[in-house]
């Protein structure tokens, strides 16, 4: 059984791929706040290759997050964001689960699903994959959020 950060889970990759194909867009694409608009521009920089490889392994479309949120400006031009995705499967054990540092300033962890999910995943048993990105650049030409 696969594990990630101490979390044992099952995966139905084909069902996950099918659900993401049915989704028109993700949460960050449906919001027009400055934080989401900036994240859309910085997404390719924000997600490290290791996270993109994990998303691919799970069958998740990296452009269709459940939600992304702006936490804070860490320093001029650098912002902290969090967010999540879901995949079809189940969490088997979470007692020893902890965030996995995928690169400097980026971590991810799995848990039982509790956050809002894409409509194409509603009604399905899913696992939540959360992330925290601590150095997302501010790419909008408008003033930075604080």
N, C-alpha and C. Protein backbone atom coordinates (compact mmCIF):
# COMPACT_ATOMS: atom_id res chain seq x y z
N UNK A 1 0.85 -1.18 0.00
CA UNK A 1 0.00 0.00 0.00
C UNK A 1 0.90 1.24 0.00
N UNK A 2 0.61 2.21 -0.87
CA UNK A 2 1.47 3.41 -0.91
C UNK A 2 1.35 4.26 0.35
N UNK A 3 2.42 4.95 0.66
CA UNK A 3 2.43 5.87 1.79
C UNK A 3 3.04 7.20 1.36
N UNK A 4 2.64 8.24 2.05
CA UNK A 4 3.20 9.57 1.82
C UNK A 4 3.22 10.27 3.16
N UNK A 5 4.39 10.61 3.63
CA UNK A 5 4.50 11.28 4.92
C UNK A 5 3.90 10.50 6.07
N UNK A 6 3.94 9.17 5.99
CA UNK A 6 3.36 8.34 7.03
C UNK A 6 1.90 8.05 6.83
N UNK A 7 1.28 8.61 5.83
CA UNK A 7 -0.14 8.39 5.54
C UNK A 7 -0.27 7.26 4.52
N UNK A 8 -0.92 6.16 4.92
CA UNK A 8 -1.19 5.08 3.99
C UNK A 8 -2.49 5.38 3.25
N UNK A 9 -2.50 5.13 1.96
CA UNK A 9 -3.69 5.46 1.18
C UNK A 9 -3.87 4.48 0.03
N UNK A 10 -5.09 4.44 -0.48
CA UNK A 10 -5.37 3.72 -1.71
C UNK A 10 -5.64 4.76 -2.79
N UNK A 11 -5.50 4.34 -4.03
CA UNK A 11 -5.64 5.26 -5.16
C UNK A 11 -6.36 4.57 -6.31
N UNK A 12 -7.33 5.28 -6.88
CA UNK A 12 -7.92 4.87 -8.15
C UNK A 12 -7.53 5.95 -9.15
N UNK A 13 -6.38 5.77 -9.77
CA UNK A 13 -5.82 6.79 -10.66
C UNK A 13 -6.72 7.06 -11.85
N UNK A 14 -7.27 6.01 -12.44
CA UNK A 14 -8.11 6.20 -13.63
C UNK A 14 -9.38 6.98 -13.29
N UNK A 15 -9.98 6.70 -12.15
CA UNK A 15 -11.17 7.46 -11.73
C UNK A 15 -10.80 8.91 -11.44
N UNK A 16 -9.61 9.13 -10.88
CA UNK A 16 -9.15 10.50 -10.62
C UNK A 16 -8.96 11.25 -11.93
N UNK A 17 -8.29 10.63 -12.89
CA UNK A 17 -8.08 11.26 -14.20
C UNK A 17 -9.42 11.60 -14.84
N UNK A 18 -10.36 10.68 -14.79
CA UNK A 18 -11.68 10.91 -15.39
C UNK A 18 -12.39 12.08 -14.71
N UNK A 19 -12.31 12.16 -13.38
CA UNK A 19 -12.96 13.26 -12.66
C UNK A 19 -12.33 14.61 -13.02
N UNK A 20 -11.01 14.65 -13.13
CA UNK A 20 -10.35 15.91 -13.48
C UNK A 20 -10.64 16.32 -14.92
N UNK A 21 -10.81 15.35 -15.81
CA UNK A 21 -11.18 15.68 -17.19
C UNK A 21 -12.56 16.34 -17.25
N UNK A 22 -13.45 15.95 -16.35
CA UNK A 22 -14.81 16.50 -16.33
C UNK A 22 -14.86 17.90 -15.71
N UNK A 23 -13.85 18.27 -14.94
CA UNK A 23 -13.83 19.59 -14.30
C UNK A 23 -13.37 20.65 -15.29
N UNK A 24 -14.12 21.72 -15.39
CA UNK A 24 -13.77 22.80 -16.31
C UNK A 24 -12.55 23.58 -15.84
N UNK A 25 -12.44 23.81 -14.53
CA UNK A 25 -11.34 24.60 -13.98
C UNK A 25 -11.22 24.33 -12.49
N UNK A 26 -10.15 24.83 -11.92
CA UNK A 26 -9.92 24.69 -10.49
C UNK A 26 -10.30 25.95 -9.73
N UNK A 27 -10.15 25.89 -8.43
CA UNK A 27 -10.54 26.99 -7.57
C UNK A 27 -9.82 28.29 -7.86
N UNK A 28 -8.51 28.24 -8.08
CA UNK A 28 -7.75 29.46 -8.34
C UNK A 28 -8.18 30.12 -9.65
N UNK A 29 -8.67 29.33 -10.59
CA UNK A 29 -9.12 29.89 -11.87
C UNK A 29 -10.52 30.47 -11.79
N UNK A 30 -11.25 30.15 -10.75
CA UNK A 30 -12.62 30.63 -10.61
C UNK A 30 -12.72 31.87 -9.72
N UNK A 31 -11.61 32.28 -9.14
CA UNK A 31 -11.60 33.43 -8.25
C UNK A 31 -10.83 34.58 -8.91
N UNK A 32 -11.31 35.79 -8.73
CA UNK A 32 -10.65 36.93 -9.37
C UNK A 32 -9.95 37.85 -8.36
N UNK A 33 -9.71 37.36 -7.15
CA UNK A 33 -8.98 38.19 -6.19
C UNK A 33 -7.51 38.30 -6.62
N UNK A 34 -6.81 39.28 -6.12
CA UNK A 34 -5.41 39.49 -6.51
C UNK A 34 -4.55 38.28 -6.16
N UNK A 35 -4.80 37.66 -5.02
CA UNK A 35 -4.01 36.50 -4.63
C UNK A 35 -4.14 35.36 -5.62
N UNK A 36 -5.36 35.07 -6.05
CA UNK A 36 -5.57 33.98 -7.02
C UNK A 36 -5.05 34.35 -8.41
N UNK A 37 -5.26 35.59 -8.80
CA UNK A 37 -4.74 36.01 -10.11
C UNK A 37 -3.21 35.90 -10.13
N UNK A 38 -2.56 36.27 -9.03
CA UNK A 38 -1.11 36.15 -8.96
C UNK A 38 -0.69 34.68 -8.99
N UNK A 39 -1.40 33.85 -8.25
CA UNK A 39 -1.04 32.43 -8.21
C UNK A 39 -1.15 31.81 -9.60
N UNK A 40 -2.16 32.18 -10.35
CA UNK A 40 -2.30 31.63 -11.70
C UNK A 40 -1.06 31.96 -12.53
N UNK A 41 -0.52 33.16 -12.37
CA UNK A 41 0.68 33.55 -13.10
C UNK A 41 1.93 32.81 -12.60
N UNK A 42 1.95 32.55 -11.30
CA UNK A 42 3.15 31.97 -10.67
C UNK A 42 3.08 30.45 -10.49
N UNK A 43 1.98 29.84 -10.86
CA UNK A 43 1.76 28.41 -10.60
C UNK A 43 2.92 27.54 -11.09
N UNK A 44 3.41 27.79 -12.29
CA UNK A 44 4.49 26.96 -12.83
C UNK A 44 5.77 27.09 -12.03
N UNK A 45 5.97 28.24 -11.39
CA UNK A 45 7.13 28.46 -10.54
C UNK A 45 6.87 27.92 -9.15
N UNK A 46 5.64 28.04 -8.67
CA UNK A 46 5.29 27.65 -7.30
C UNK A 46 5.40 26.16 -7.06
N UNK A 47 4.99 25.34 -8.03
CA UNK A 47 5.01 23.89 -7.85
C UNK A 47 6.36 23.34 -8.27
N UNK A 48 7.11 22.73 -7.35
CA UNK A 48 8.39 22.13 -7.73
C UNK A 48 8.17 20.86 -8.55
N UNK A 49 9.17 20.44 -9.31
CA UNK A 49 9.04 19.22 -10.11
C UNK A 49 8.63 17.99 -9.31
N UNK A 50 9.08 17.88 -8.06
CA UNK A 50 8.70 16.73 -7.24
C UNK A 50 7.20 16.70 -6.94
N UNK A 51 6.61 17.88 -6.75
CA UNK A 51 5.17 17.96 -6.50
C UNK A 51 4.40 17.65 -7.78
N UNK A 52 4.86 18.18 -8.89
CA UNK A 52 4.21 17.89 -10.17
C UNK A 52 4.26 16.40 -10.48
N UNK A 53 5.38 15.74 -10.15
CA UNK A 53 5.49 14.30 -10.36
C UNK A 53 4.50 13.55 -9.47
N UNK A 54 4.33 14.00 -8.23
CA UNK A 54 3.36 13.38 -7.33
C UNK A 54 1.94 13.56 -7.87
N UNK A 55 1.61 14.76 -8.32
CA UNK A 55 0.28 14.99 -8.90
C UNK A 55 0.04 14.05 -10.07
N UNK A 56 1.03 13.91 -10.93
CA UNK A 56 0.90 13.02 -12.09
C UNK A 56 0.71 11.57 -11.64
N UNK A 57 1.48 11.14 -10.66
CA UNK A 57 1.36 9.78 -10.14
C UNK A 57 -0.04 9.51 -9.61
N UNK A 58 -0.66 10.53 -9.02
CA UNK A 58 -2.00 10.39 -8.44
C UNK A 58 -3.12 10.60 -9.46
N UNK A 59 -2.78 11.10 -10.67
CA UNK A 59 -3.79 11.36 -11.69
C UNK A 59 -4.43 12.72 -11.59
N UNK A 60 -3.79 13.64 -10.87
CA UNK A 60 -4.33 14.98 -10.61
C UNK A 60 -3.84 15.97 -11.66
N UNK A 61 -4.74 16.77 -12.20
CA UNK A 61 -4.40 17.85 -13.13
C UNK A 61 -3.90 19.03 -12.30
N UNK A 62 -2.64 19.46 -12.44
CA UNK A 62 -2.10 20.54 -11.62
C UNK A 62 -2.75 21.90 -11.84
N UNK A 63 -3.53 22.03 -12.90
CA UNK A 63 -4.21 23.30 -13.17
C UNK A 63 -5.59 23.36 -12.52
N UNK A 64 -5.99 22.29 -11.83
CA UNK A 64 -7.35 22.23 -11.29
C UNK A 64 -7.34 21.93 -9.79
N UNK A 65 -6.82 22.88 -9.02
CA UNK A 65 -6.80 22.75 -7.57
C UNK A 65 -8.22 22.81 -7.00
N UNK A 66 -8.38 22.27 -5.81
CA UNK A 66 -9.65 22.44 -5.10
C UNK A 66 -9.79 23.88 -4.65
N UNK A 67 -8.71 24.41 -4.12
CA UNK A 67 -8.65 25.82 -3.72
C UNK A 67 -7.19 26.18 -3.45
N UNK A 68 -6.88 27.43 -3.69
CA UNK A 68 -5.59 28.02 -3.33
C UNK A 68 -5.89 29.27 -2.54
N UNK A 69 -5.09 29.53 -1.52
CA UNK A 69 -5.31 30.74 -0.72
C UNK A 69 -3.98 31.42 -0.39
N UNK A 70 -4.03 32.73 -0.34
CA UNK A 70 -2.87 33.55 0.01
C UNK A 70 -2.81 33.69 1.52
N UNK A 71 -1.67 33.37 2.11
CA UNK A 71 -1.51 33.50 3.56
C UNK A 71 -0.89 34.83 3.95
N UNK A 72 0.24 35.17 3.33
CA UNK A 72 0.97 36.36 3.77
C UNK A 72 2.09 36.70 2.81
N UNK A 73 2.49 37.95 2.85
CA UNK A 73 3.72 38.37 2.19
C UNK A 73 4.85 38.05 3.15
N UNK A 74 5.78 37.20 2.72
CA UNK A 74 6.88 36.79 3.58
C UNK A 74 8.01 37.82 3.57
N UNK A 75 8.23 38.40 2.40
CA UNK A 75 9.21 39.46 2.19
C UNK A 75 8.83 40.13 0.87
N UNK A 76 9.41 41.27 0.55
CA UNK A 76 9.04 41.91 -0.72
C UNK A 76 9.20 40.94 -1.90
N UNK A 77 8.10 40.75 -2.60
CA UNK A 77 8.11 39.89 -3.79
C UNK A 77 7.94 38.41 -3.52
N UNK A 78 7.88 37.99 -2.25
CA UNK A 78 7.75 36.57 -1.90
C UNK A 78 6.53 36.36 -1.01
N UNK A 79 5.66 35.42 -1.41
CA UNK A 79 4.40 35.20 -0.71
C UNK A 79 4.20 33.74 -0.36
N UNK A 80 3.49 33.52 0.75
CA UNK A 80 3.15 32.17 1.16
C UNK A 80 1.72 31.87 0.74
N UNK A 81 1.56 30.72 0.10
CA UNK A 81 0.25 30.23 -0.33
C UNK A 81 0.04 28.82 0.20
N UNK A 82 -1.20 28.47 0.37
CA UNK A 82 -1.58 27.11 0.69
C UNK A 82 -2.67 26.68 -0.27
N UNK A 83 -2.99 25.42 -0.25
CA UNK A 83 -4.06 24.93 -1.11
C UNK A 83 -4.19 23.43 -1.02
N UNK A 84 -5.08 22.88 -1.85
CA UNK A 84 -5.28 21.45 -1.83
C UNK A 84 -5.85 20.94 -3.14
N UNK A 85 -5.68 19.66 -3.31
CA UNK A 85 -6.23 18.87 -4.40
C UNK A 85 -6.88 17.65 -3.75
N UNK A 86 -7.64 16.90 -4.53
CA UNK A 86 -8.20 15.63 -4.06
C UNK A 86 -7.94 14.56 -5.12
N UNK A 87 -7.89 13.32 -4.67
CA UNK A 87 -7.82 12.20 -5.61
C UNK A 87 -8.71 11.08 -5.09
N UNK A 88 -9.19 10.26 -6.02
CA UNK A 88 -10.09 9.17 -5.67
C UNK A 88 -9.29 8.08 -4.96
N UNK A 89 -9.71 7.77 -3.76
CA UNK A 89 -9.03 6.77 -2.94
C UNK A 89 -9.50 6.91 -1.51
N UNK A 90 -8.73 6.30 -0.61
CA UNK A 90 -9.08 6.34 0.80
C UNK A 90 -7.81 6.39 1.64
N UNK A 91 -7.90 7.07 2.77
CA UNK A 91 -6.82 7.09 3.75
C UNK A 91 -6.98 5.87 4.63
N UNK A 92 -5.91 5.11 4.78
CA UNK A 92 -5.95 3.91 5.62
C UNK A 92 -5.42 4.16 7.02
N UNK A 93 -4.40 5.03 7.11
CA UNK A 93 -3.80 5.32 8.41
C UNK A 93 -3.20 6.71 8.38
N UNK A 94 -3.44 7.49 9.42
CA UNK A 94 -2.87 8.85 9.48
C UNK A 94 -2.19 9.14 10.81
N UNK A 95 -2.06 8.15 11.67
CA UNK A 95 -1.50 8.39 13.00
C UNK A 95 -0.13 9.04 12.96
N UNK A 96 0.73 8.58 12.10
CA UNK A 96 2.10 9.11 12.03
C UNK A 96 2.29 10.05 10.84
N UNK A 97 1.22 10.56 10.30
CA UNK A 97 1.30 11.41 9.12
C UNK A 97 1.91 12.76 9.47
N UNK A 98 2.77 13.23 8.58
CA UNK A 98 3.38 14.55 8.77
C UNK A 98 3.69 15.15 7.41
N UNK A 99 3.83 16.48 7.35
CA UNK A 99 4.18 17.11 6.07
C UNK A 99 5.51 16.57 5.52
N UNK A 100 5.56 16.48 4.21
CA UNK A 100 6.77 16.06 3.52
C UNK A 100 7.36 17.28 2.84
N UNK A 101 8.60 17.61 3.15
CA UNK A 101 9.27 18.73 2.50
C UNK A 101 9.76 18.22 1.14
N UNK A 102 9.18 18.77 0.08
CA UNK A 102 9.53 18.33 -1.27
C UNK A 102 10.69 19.14 -1.85
N UNK A 103 10.89 20.33 -1.33
CA UNK A 103 12.04 21.17 -1.66
C UNK A 103 12.03 22.32 -0.66
N UNK A 104 13.06 23.10 -0.66
CA UNK A 104 13.13 24.23 0.27
C UNK A 104 11.92 25.14 0.06
N UNK A 105 11.11 25.31 1.11
CA UNK A 105 9.97 26.21 1.03
C UNK A 105 8.70 25.61 0.47
N UNK A 106 8.66 24.29 0.26
CA UNK A 106 7.44 23.67 -0.27
C UNK A 106 7.22 22.33 0.41
N UNK A 107 6.05 22.17 1.03
CA UNK A 107 5.72 20.91 1.68
C UNK A 107 4.30 20.49 1.29
N UNK A 108 4.04 19.20 1.48
CA UNK A 108 2.72 18.65 1.15
C UNK A 108 2.40 17.55 2.15
N UNK A 109 1.10 17.30 2.36
CA UNK A 109 0.66 16.24 3.25
C UNK A 109 -0.72 15.76 2.82
N UNK A 110 -1.02 14.53 3.18
CA UNK A 110 -2.32 13.92 2.88
C UNK A 110 -3.12 13.78 4.16
N UNK A 111 -4.44 13.79 4.00
CA UNK A 111 -5.33 13.58 5.14
C UNK A 111 -6.70 13.14 4.61
N UNK A 112 -7.56 12.78 5.53
CA UNK A 112 -8.94 12.49 5.14
C UNK A 112 -9.56 13.77 4.58
N UNK A 113 -10.36 13.64 3.57
CA UNK A 113 -10.94 14.81 2.90
C UNK A 113 -11.93 15.53 3.80
N UNK A 114 -11.72 16.85 3.90
CA UNK A 114 -12.67 17.69 4.65
C UNK A 114 -12.92 19.01 3.93
N UNK A 115 -12.01 19.41 3.06
CA UNK A 115 -12.12 20.69 2.37
C UNK A 115 -13.00 20.56 1.12
N UNK A 116 -13.57 21.67 0.66
CA UNK A 116 -14.37 21.62 -0.56
C UNK A 116 -13.57 21.04 -1.73
N UNK A 117 -14.27 20.31 -2.57
CA UNK A 117 -13.61 19.66 -3.71
C UNK A 117 -14.27 20.07 -5.01
N UNK A 118 -13.62 19.76 -6.11
CA UNK A 118 -14.19 20.02 -7.43
C UNK A 118 -15.53 19.30 -7.54
N UNK A 119 -16.46 19.89 -8.25
CA UNK A 119 -17.79 19.29 -8.37
C UNK A 119 -17.73 17.90 -9.00
N UNK A 120 -16.77 17.66 -9.88
CA UNK A 120 -16.64 16.36 -10.54
C UNK A 120 -16.17 15.27 -9.57
N UNK A 121 -15.71 15.66 -8.38
CA UNK A 121 -15.27 14.70 -7.36
C UNK A 121 -16.30 14.51 -6.25
N UNK A 122 -17.39 15.28 -6.29
CA UNK A 122 -18.43 15.16 -5.26
C UNK A 122 -19.08 13.79 -5.33
N UNK A 123 -19.34 13.24 -4.16
CA UNK A 123 -19.96 11.92 -4.10
C UNK A 123 -18.97 10.77 -4.18
N UNK A 124 -17.70 11.06 -4.45
CA UNK A 124 -16.68 10.03 -4.53
C UNK A 124 -15.86 10.01 -3.24
N UNK A 125 -15.35 8.86 -2.89
CA UNK A 125 -14.45 8.74 -1.75
C UNK A 125 -13.09 9.28 -2.19
N UNK A 126 -12.63 10.35 -1.54
CA UNK A 126 -11.38 10.99 -1.96
C UNK A 126 -10.44 11.23 -0.78
N UNK A 127 -9.18 11.41 -1.13
CA UNK A 127 -8.13 11.78 -0.19
C UNK A 127 -7.74 13.21 -0.51
N UNK A 128 -7.44 13.97 0.52
CA UNK A 128 -7.03 15.37 0.35
C UNK A 128 -5.51 15.47 0.36
N UNK A 129 -4.97 16.18 -0.62
CA UNK A 129 -3.53 16.46 -0.70
C UNK A 129 -3.36 17.96 -0.55
N UNK A 130 -2.82 18.36 0.59
CA UNK A 130 -2.60 19.79 0.89
C UNK A 130 -1.17 20.18 0.56
N UNK A 131 -0.98 21.46 0.29
CA UNK A 131 0.38 21.96 0.07
C UNK A 131 0.55 23.32 0.72
N UNK A 132 1.80 23.65 1.02
CA UNK A 132 2.18 24.95 1.53
C UNK A 132 3.42 25.39 0.75
N UNK A 133 3.28 26.51 0.04
CA UNK A 133 4.38 27.08 -0.76
C UNK A 133 4.79 28.39 -0.11
N UNK A 134 6.03 28.50 0.32
CA UNK A 134 6.46 29.64 1.12
C UNK A 134 7.19 30.73 0.36
N UNK A 135 7.45 30.55 -0.92
CA UNK A 135 8.21 31.57 -1.65
C UNK A 135 7.66 31.75 -3.06
N UNK A 136 6.37 32.03 -3.16
CA UNK A 136 5.74 32.26 -4.46
C UNK A 136 5.96 33.72 -4.85
N UNK A 137 6.53 33.96 -6.02
CA UNK A 137 6.80 35.35 -6.41
C UNK A 137 5.52 36.13 -6.72
N UNK A 138 5.59 37.43 -6.48
CA UNK A 138 4.48 38.32 -6.85
C UNK A 138 4.74 38.77 -8.28
N UNK A 139 3.88 38.34 -9.21
CA UNK A 139 4.09 38.63 -10.62
C UNK A 139 3.10 39.66 -11.20
N UNK A 140 2.07 40.00 -10.44
CA UNK A 140 1.12 41.01 -10.91
C UNK A 140 1.79 42.37 -10.93
N UNK A 141 1.34 43.23 -11.82
CA UNK A 141 1.89 44.60 -11.86
C UNK A 141 1.24 45.51 -10.82
N UNK A 142 0.23 45.02 -10.13
CA UNK A 142 -0.43 45.81 -9.09
C UNK A 142 0.27 45.61 -7.74
N UNK A 143 -0.02 46.46 -6.76
CA UNK A 143 0.65 46.34 -5.45
C UNK A 143 0.46 44.97 -4.82
N UNK A 144 1.47 44.53 -4.11
CA UNK A 144 1.45 43.24 -3.45
C UNK A 144 0.43 43.21 -2.31
N UNK A 145 -0.14 42.03 -2.11
CA UNK A 145 -0.99 41.80 -0.94
C UNK A 145 -0.07 41.71 0.27
N UNK A 146 -0.62 41.99 1.44
CA UNK A 146 0.19 41.87 2.66
C UNK A 146 -0.29 40.73 3.51
